[in-house]
Amino acid sequence: MRVDQGERFAVLGDGSRLGYDYLVLAVGDEPWDGGVPGLREADLNPWSLEGARAVAERLRNLPAGAPLVLRVGSLDLGSAAS
């Protein structure tokens, strides 16, 4: 991808141009379990197509009345602990 800030457009990998008013580049996130046993297996990251599908599937199969924990954003325990 290439960004022309002056003309306010991005050139995508296939060569197509995408104009914008505001551009936010989000580089992604890597799940981190902070050493908490079982957290990585229980955590779902919706920031990929595969992850979003896993979240939808988990919610569809959630029994009525089951406890649900929703984590929004990230918690950087490494920085907090240092």
N, C-alpha and C. Protein backbone atom coordinates (compact mmCIF):
# COMPACT_ATOMS: atom_id res chain seq x y z
N MET A 1 0.84 -1.17 0.00
CA MET A 1 0.00 0.00 0.00
C MET A 1 0.89 1.23 0.00
N ARG A 2 0.45 2.24 -0.71
CA ARG A 2 1.15 3.53 -0.73
C ARG A 2 0.13 4.62 -0.45
N VAL A 3 0.53 5.62 0.32
CA VAL A 3 -0.38 6.71 0.69
C VAL A 3 0.15 8.01 0.11
N ASP A 4 -0.71 8.73 -0.59
CA ASP A 4 -0.40 10.08 -1.08
C ASP A 4 -1.13 11.05 -0.17
N GLN A 5 -0.40 11.59 0.80
CA GLN A 5 -1.04 12.47 1.79
C GLN A 5 -1.52 13.77 1.18
N GLY A 6 -0.79 14.31 0.22
CA GLY A 6 -1.17 15.57 -0.40
C GLY A 6 -2.48 15.48 -1.16
N GLU A 7 -2.64 14.39 -1.92
CA GLU A 7 -3.86 14.19 -2.71
C GLU A 7 -4.94 13.42 -1.96
N ARG A 8 -4.59 12.92 -0.78
CA ARG A 8 -5.50 12.20 0.10
C ARG A 8 -6.10 10.95 -0.54
N PHE A 9 -5.21 10.05 -0.97
CA PHE A 9 -5.66 8.76 -1.44
C PHE A 9 -4.61 7.71 -1.11
N ALA A 10 -5.07 6.47 -1.06
CA ALA A 10 -4.18 5.34 -0.84
C ALA A 10 -4.21 4.48 -2.10
N VAL A 11 -3.06 3.96 -2.48
CA VAL A 11 -2.97 3.03 -3.60
C VAL A 11 -2.84 1.63 -2.99
N LEU A 12 -3.81 0.78 -3.27
CA LEU A 12 -3.84 -0.55 -2.69
C LEU A 12 -2.95 -1.51 -3.47
N GLY A 13 -2.77 -2.71 -2.96
CA GLY A 13 -1.89 -3.70 -3.56
C GLY A 13 -2.25 -4.04 -5.00
N ASP A 14 -3.53 -3.96 -5.35
CA ASP A 14 -3.95 -4.27 -6.72
C ASP A 14 -3.88 -3.06 -7.64
N GLY A 15 -3.39 -1.92 -7.11
CA GLY A 15 -3.26 -0.70 -7.92
C GLY A 15 -4.46 0.22 -7.86
N SER A 16 -5.55 -0.23 -7.27
CA SER A 16 -6.73 0.64 -7.18
C SER A 16 -6.47 1.76 -6.18
N ARG A 17 -7.13 2.89 -6.40
CA ARG A 17 -6.97 4.06 -5.54
C ARG A 17 -8.19 4.23 -4.65
N LEU A 18 -7.94 4.58 -3.41
CA LEU A 18 -9.02 4.76 -2.44
C LEU A 18 -8.84 6.13 -1.80
N GLY A 19 -9.78 7.05 -2.07
CA GLY A 19 -9.71 8.38 -1.49
C GLY A 19 -10.17 8.37 -0.04
N TYR A 20 -9.75 9.39 0.71
CA TYR A 20 -10.15 9.46 2.11
C TYR A 20 -10.20 10.90 2.59
N ASP A 21 -11.01 11.12 3.63
CA ASP A 21 -11.01 12.39 4.36
C ASP A 21 -10.08 12.30 5.55
N TYR A 22 -10.15 11.17 6.26
CA TYR A 22 -9.28 10.88 7.40
C TYR A 22 -8.75 9.47 7.19
N LEU A 23 -7.51 9.25 7.51
CA LEU A 23 -6.91 7.94 7.34
C LEU A 23 -6.38 7.45 8.67
N VAL A 24 -6.81 6.27 9.06
CA VAL A 24 -6.32 5.63 10.27
C VAL A 24 -5.63 4.34 9.84
N LEU A 25 -4.36 4.21 10.17
CA LEU A 25 -3.63 2.98 9.90
C LEU A 25 -3.58 2.18 11.19
N ALA A 26 -4.19 1.02 11.18
CA ALA A 26 -4.21 0.15 12.35
C ALA A 26 -3.36 -1.07 12.03
N VAL A 27 -2.29 -1.25 12.75
CA VAL A 27 -1.34 -2.30 12.42
C VAL A 27 -1.69 -3.65 13.03
N GLY A 28 -2.74 -3.73 13.80
CA GLY A 28 -3.17 -5.01 14.35
C GLY A 28 -2.72 -5.20 15.77
N ASP A 29 -3.09 -6.33 16.30
CA ASP A 29 -2.81 -6.64 17.70
C ASP A 29 -2.50 -8.12 17.80
N GLU A 30 -1.69 -8.46 18.72
CA GLU A 30 -1.33 -9.85 18.99
C GLU A 30 -1.84 -10.20 20.38
N PRO A 31 -2.71 -11.21 20.49
CA PRO A 31 -3.19 -11.58 21.82
C PRO A 31 -2.02 -11.99 22.73
N TRP A 32 -2.08 -11.60 23.98
CA TRP A 32 -1.05 -11.91 24.96
C TRP A 32 -1.75 -12.37 26.22
N ASP A 33 -1.36 -13.52 26.74
CA ASP A 33 -2.07 -14.08 27.89
C ASP A 33 -1.46 -13.70 29.23
N GLY A 34 -0.32 -13.03 29.24
CA GLY A 34 0.29 -12.59 30.49
C GLY A 34 0.65 -13.74 31.43
N GLY A 35 0.72 -14.96 30.88
CA GLY A 35 1.06 -16.11 31.71
C GLY A 35 -0.12 -16.68 32.49
N VAL A 36 -1.33 -16.20 32.22
CA VAL A 36 -2.51 -16.70 32.92
C VAL A 36 -2.93 -18.02 32.28
N PRO A 37 -2.89 -19.13 33.01
CA PRO A 37 -3.24 -20.43 32.45
C PRO A 37 -4.67 -20.44 31.90
N GLY A 38 -4.81 -20.94 30.66
CA GLY A 38 -6.13 -21.08 30.05
C GLY A 38 -6.66 -19.84 29.35
N LEU A 39 -6.04 -18.68 29.56
CA LEU A 39 -6.57 -17.45 28.97
C LEU A 39 -6.46 -17.46 27.45
N ARG A 40 -5.33 -17.89 26.92
CA ARG A 40 -5.16 -17.89 25.46
C ARG A 40 -6.20 -18.78 24.78
N GLU A 41 -6.50 -19.92 25.40
CA GLU A 41 -7.48 -20.83 24.82
C GLU A 41 -8.90 -20.27 24.91
N ALA A 42 -9.20 -19.50 25.93
CA ALA A 42 -10.54 -18.96 26.14
C ALA A 42 -10.75 -17.63 25.43
N ASP A 43 -9.67 -16.91 25.14
CA ASP A 43 -9.75 -15.59 24.55
C ASP A 43 -10.04 -15.68 23.06
N LEU A 44 -10.92 -14.84 22.56
CA LEU A 44 -11.21 -14.75 21.14
C LEU A 44 -10.86 -13.35 20.67
N ASN A 45 -10.13 -13.26 19.58
CA ASN A 45 -9.72 -11.97 19.04
C ASN A 45 -10.54 -11.70 17.78
N PRO A 46 -11.48 -10.74 17.81
CA PRO A 46 -12.36 -10.52 16.66
C PRO A 46 -11.74 -9.67 15.56
N TRP A 47 -10.45 -9.41 15.60
CA TRP A 47 -9.84 -8.47 14.65
C TRP A 47 -9.33 -9.16 13.39
N SER A 48 -9.77 -10.37 13.12
CA SER A 48 -9.50 -11.06 11.87
C SER A 48 -10.81 -11.73 11.46
N LEU A 49 -10.91 -12.10 10.20
CA LEU A 49 -12.13 -12.78 9.75
C LEU A 49 -12.33 -14.08 10.51
N GLU A 50 -11.26 -14.85 10.66
CA GLU A 50 -11.34 -16.11 11.40
C GLU A 50 -11.76 -15.86 12.85
N GLY A 51 -11.18 -14.84 13.48
CA GLY A 51 -11.52 -14.52 14.86
C GLY A 51 -12.95 -14.05 15.01
N ALA A 52 -13.42 -13.22 14.07
CA ALA A 52 -14.80 -12.73 14.12
C ALA A 52 -15.79 -13.88 13.97
N ARG A 53 -15.46 -14.83 13.10
CA ARG A 53 -16.33 -15.99 12.94
C ARG A 53 -16.34 -16.84 14.21
N ALA A 54 -15.19 -16.96 14.86
CA ALA A 54 -15.12 -17.73 16.10
C ALA A 54 -15.96 -17.07 17.20
N VAL A 55 -15.91 -15.73 17.28
CA VAL A 55 -16.73 -15.01 18.27
C VAL A 55 -18.20 -15.25 17.98
N ALA A 56 -18.62 -15.11 16.72
CA ALA A 56 -20.03 -15.32 16.36
C ALA A 56 -20.48 -16.73 16.71
N GLU A 57 -19.64 -17.71 16.41
CA GLU A 57 -19.97 -19.11 16.71
C GLU A 57 -20.10 -19.33 18.22
N ARG A 58 -19.16 -18.78 18.97
CA ARG A 58 -19.20 -18.93 20.44
C ARG A 58 -20.48 -18.31 21.00
N LEU A 59 -20.85 -17.12 20.50
CA LEU A 59 -22.05 -16.45 20.99
C LEU A 59 -23.31 -17.21 20.61
N ARG A 60 -23.33 -17.77 19.40
CA ARG A 60 -24.50 -18.56 18.98
C ARG A 60 -24.71 -19.78 19.87
N ASN A 61 -23.62 -20.36 20.34
CA ASN A 61 -23.70 -21.59 21.14
C ASN A 61 -23.68 -21.35 22.64
N LEU A 62 -23.72 -20.11 23.06
CA LEU A 62 -23.68 -19.79 24.48
C LEU A 62 -25.00 -20.19 25.14
N PRO A 63 -24.97 -21.03 26.15
CA PRO A 63 -26.20 -21.43 26.83
C PRO A 63 -26.87 -20.22 27.51
N ALA A 64 -28.19 -20.24 27.55
CA ALA A 64 -28.93 -19.17 28.22
C ALA A 64 -28.48 -19.07 29.67
N GLY A 65 -28.21 -17.86 30.12
CA GLY A 65 -27.81 -17.63 31.50
C GLY A 65 -26.35 -17.86 31.79
N ALA A 66 -25.57 -18.26 30.78
CA ALA A 66 -24.14 -18.50 31.00
C ALA A 66 -23.42 -17.19 31.24
N PRO A 67 -22.41 -17.17 32.10
CA PRO A 67 -21.66 -15.93 32.33
C PRO A 67 -20.87 -15.55 31.09
N LEU A 68 -20.78 -14.27 30.85
CA LEU A 68 -20.08 -13.76 29.68
C LEU A 68 -19.15 -12.64 30.11
N VAL A 69 -17.88 -12.72 29.73
CA VAL A 69 -16.91 -11.67 30.02
C VAL A 69 -16.51 -11.05 28.69
N LEU A 70 -16.67 -9.75 28.57
CA LEU A 70 -16.32 -9.04 27.35
C LEU A 70 -15.17 -8.09 27.65
N ARG A 71 -14.08 -8.29 26.94
CA ARG A 71 -12.91 -7.42 27.11
C ARG A 71 -12.82 -6.54 25.89
N VAL A 72 -12.87 -5.23 26.09
CA VAL A 72 -12.77 -4.28 25.00
C VAL A 72 -11.46 -3.53 25.15
N GLY A 73 -10.69 -3.46 24.07
CA GLY A 73 -9.39 -2.81 24.15
C GLY A 73 -8.36 -3.82 24.56
N SER A 74 -7.26 -3.33 25.08
CA SER A 74 -6.23 -4.27 25.50
C SER A 74 -5.72 -3.88 26.87
N LEU A 75 -5.17 -4.84 27.53
CA LEU A 75 -4.58 -4.64 28.84
C LEU A 75 -3.14 -5.08 28.74
N ASP A 76 -2.23 -4.16 28.82
CA ASP A 76 -0.81 -4.48 28.69
C ASP A 76 -0.24 -4.70 30.08
N LEU A 77 -0.35 -5.93 30.56
CA LEU A 77 0.13 -6.24 31.90
C LEU A 77 1.64 -6.09 32.00
N GLY A 78 2.34 -6.33 30.87
CA GLY A 78 3.80 -6.19 30.89
C GLY A 78 4.22 -4.79 31.21
N SER A 79 3.57 -3.80 30.61
CA SER A 79 3.91 -2.41 30.90
C SER A 79 3.47 -2.01 32.30
N ALA A 80 2.29 -2.53 32.70
CA ALA A 80 1.78 -2.15 34.01
C ALA A 80 2.67 -2.71 35.12
N ALA A 81 3.26 -3.89 34.86
CA ALA A 81 4.06 -4.53 35.89
C ALA A 81 5.49 -4.00 35.95
N SER A 82 5.93 -3.35 34.88
CA SER A 82 7.33 -2.90 34.85
C SER A 82 7.50 -1.56 35.54
